[in-house]
Each structure stands twice: as C-alpha cells, then as structure tokens.
Amino acid sequence: MRRTRSILLGFVAVTLSLTVCQGWVFPNHGEDLQEYFEQKEYINTILARPTDKSMTVSLMSSYNINSYIQYGTSPGEYEEASELYELTAHSPEHVDLVDLEPNTRYYYRVVVSDPTKKMYKAGKENSFVTAKLPGNSFKFAILADSHFQEQPAFEYGDLYLNTLKNIEASNADFLFDMGDTFMANKLIDQNVNGLDEDQTGHKDVDDLVHAHRAYYGKLLDKMPMLSIRGNQDGEFGFTLDDEEPLSVWTATARKKYFPQPNPDYKFYDANTQKEPYLNNGWVEDYFSFRWGDALFVTLDPYWYTRGNVHDAWDWTLGREQYNWFANVLRENSDAKYKFVLSHNLLGAQGASQRGGAEWARFYEWGGHEEDGTDVFRARRPGFGGGDGVPVHDLLVKHGVDIFFHGHDHFYARQEVDGVVYQLCPKPDEKRLEPFENRDAHNYQFGVQLPGAGHLEINVDEDHVAVLYVKSFLDEEVGEGAE
C-alpha cells in the first residue's frame, strides 16, 4: 500500500422531502455533545479539499482502530489503496488521495478493523469527482445559517435533516457552507449547553464542532464541503489577544474536524497569512479556485477585523485580504463565470451587517457614508496600493456574475450594476409569513421568498441556473402536493 497523501438566474424549484432520514438520531437540546457523538457510527468519513488531482478523506472513529481507503474509477473495482492508518478515538486522520485524474469520478470505500485490530470489514461504497475541466458542466450546492443547536433558531431539526437529504440527492460536485454553523459564539450567549462566558472553555468549543461530524458525516462522505465563516461561529480577530480566545478555540476545532484549503494545496490560491495561535499557522479561511468554466472566491470579513466594532466601518477584510481579492479577480479575467461568496456584506445595516444589495453603496463594501459622501480612500488608505476601490466596484469592474451571501435567513435575488446579490435561505426556517427578516433588514427590491431549503447551482457552458430547493416537514405535505 502507498500513502496518498447568457446567465440564467432566479429560477425557483420546489422539492418535497418526504423522508424523515431514518437512522439519523436527532439529539435533545442540552444533551451532552460528547455523549451524543459516542452513540454515532463506528467510523465517520467526510470529504474535503477537492482538487483536480487529489481529495482529502477525513476519518474518525469512536474507538482506537486501524483503517485504510480503497479506491478506483469503476464501481466495485479498487485499483488503489491508501496506507494503513492507526486511528485514535475521536481524533480525525486527514488522508490525501493523490495522483488522481482531473474530471473523473472515483469510487471508494473505507476498511476498518475491530478494536482488537485483528479483523477488518469494508464499508459501503461512495464516490466523488475531481475538478471539472473547462467546457464541462457541473453542479454545486449551498447551505447557509443552520445555527446548529441554537434555541429557538434550530427548533426544527427534522426540517434541517430533510434539507441535508435534499442536498445528498442533488449529486452535486461539492457543497459550500456559508457559515453560522459551528455557533461557538452562542456558547457565550448561553444558548447552547447552558454555559456562560466564565464557564466556556476550549473543550466546550471542541465538543460543539465535534458534534457536527455526526450530522455532516451522512452527507459529506458523498461530496466535499467548503466552509465559510459566519458571525456566530466565533472567529473574530478582535478576540485573538483575549486571555481565553474564542476565535482560536473555534478555528483550531474547525481545522481539526473540517479541514479546508490552505497554501499547501496548490490547486487553491489560499490565505498565506500565518498565525502563531494555530497549528501549522494556516487559518484556512479565504481562498479561490477554478472549477469547470467558473472562478470561485471566498471572503472572510471577521478574522481581520481586529478592533472592537462600534459602527459599520469597523468591519474589514484587512489590507492583505483585500489586495489578494483584487489580484485574484484581475488574474482570472478569462474565467467565463465568476462567483464570490461571503457570509454577509461588509458593513451593511450597522454593526450587525444585516441587509442585502440596498447596502452595496456603503462602507467598505460600497465606499460611501450613508449621506452619499465617497470616503473609501480616506477610510481605507493603502488598499489597492492607494488606488483601491470599494468591494462592489471590484465586482462590477471584473465582471462578477453572482455574489452569494447568507446571514438573513431567507431567499432573495437582487441585482445592482449587473451583479446579482443572491441571499441563501436557511435550511430549517419554519416561518412562512410574515416576512420578519425581510422587513427587519430592509430588503426593498428584488425577488424574496420565505421558507426553508438550500440552493443548487447548475453551471453549463452557455448558462448558469440557480435553483431554490425548498424543504418541508412531512406533516406539511398534503395529498396531491406538488
């Protein structure tokens, strides 16, 4: 064995999820997360960091066992195998399958030993695809704002699980998670596990992120997930120097359980700024890559916001991330489609950064004060070598097709200066009417739709289609529903 390390937008599709995810145990609120995970599967597998020639397979077990991966290009035929790995209970092992062919589907299965390490059993077969080449169509999915275990926002767990099942059925090449998923910030807000700020520690955060593997393990063994930070995930730059830095705890746990792109994976143009607080130094937050005919760019509006936030101008990408972003757009001008993703706009509606395209003209995102005064260069000296322009102007200048964002918990499609601002729905949003978030966050134009679900995006050589796939609880689906 060898070690292997014309744009069509706004179309709405409705999918009725009729299965209650049999075999998925949904925990009671307040249940100890470590005890909950102990009841989960013997081996937990997720895919991560897809490239044209590699895939990371993250293995984790509740026991000390041995494991390896068999894989090949035909179902049931495994020409290759990874090295044998000794897994330590609850400690993920990230295995890189390398020397793969681009634009190819691979079939794999995980082989595990019993705790005595004398007997071995092969698991079920799953598959993944390597990066598509230009001219090849593909599909990706987007999930946003699950608010894992937060009460009451995570009240409808079965609805969330139905959304995961819908994503699984999409057979997408990969999934973007838009943030507000790990929810470490809510540990301090006493909404998870009854903890307060003085009681919250590194282990509490680790347990919280750890628990996501039980949910996502049912989906991410079939498609890799690329993660984006949300405001509730706790990775704020202004807490890095705290005596008990929540941002460091969360980033450490996220990297441990959900590995993300970093500069060691040359397929990605990823954040090269190293942090002494983190193992190997990489934050694994913002990155870009090409897939098929599309360029993808993700942004992190939190880690480099280093001062306390008093108003909307305090939120920033930071000079290095901004300059990197401008350079990525410039160097990838030949990409047929360009997609940018961030949890929210920088600034927007006050310090909370709520709102959509109505705020495209303001603060770091749009460069203006709310009275219309252009103050970008005064407020952001040195951005773009002193010749920088606001983020929205970069999107327009470089022909970005869609800016995907989350944060506000419903579906909205808006357009400003030829750029589509696409708000992603919440996977378990039960409220159908009234449109509380739309009105509270000042959405004034475009198409807005309530309900729960996710987005599926089909990218073909001559068009892009964004589908809103709605999810329902089984009892909501009546006879003859379509």
Foldseek 3Di string as FASTA:
>chain_A
DAAAAVAAEDAADADEQQDLPPPQDDDDALPQLVVVCLPFDQKFWFWADFAQFKIKIKIAGQAFWKKKKFKDQDPPDGPDIHDIDGHHHLFIDIGMHGRHHGFGKMKMWMKIAPRVHPDIDIDDIAIAHHFAAAQDWFKEWEAEQCLPSFPPSVVQVSLLLSQLVVRQVVLGRAYEYQESPLQLQCLCVCRGNNHHPVRDALVVSLSSLSSVSRRCSVRRVHHAYAYAYDPRLQLAQQQPPPPGRSNLSSLQSCCRRRNADDVVPVQKPHDPQFDPSYVVRTSRHWIWHDGHLEIETEAHQGSPLHDDFDKLQSTDSDQVSLQVVLVVLVVVLRRPAYEYEHQAARGQPISLRFDWPVCCCDHLNNQADPVGHRCNLVSDPCRVHSPDGGNSVSCLVSVHAEYEHENQAWWWWDDDNNYIYTYWHHSRFPDQDDPVSCVVRPPDDGDTGGAHHIWMWMDHNPYIYIYGYHYDDNVVDDPPRD
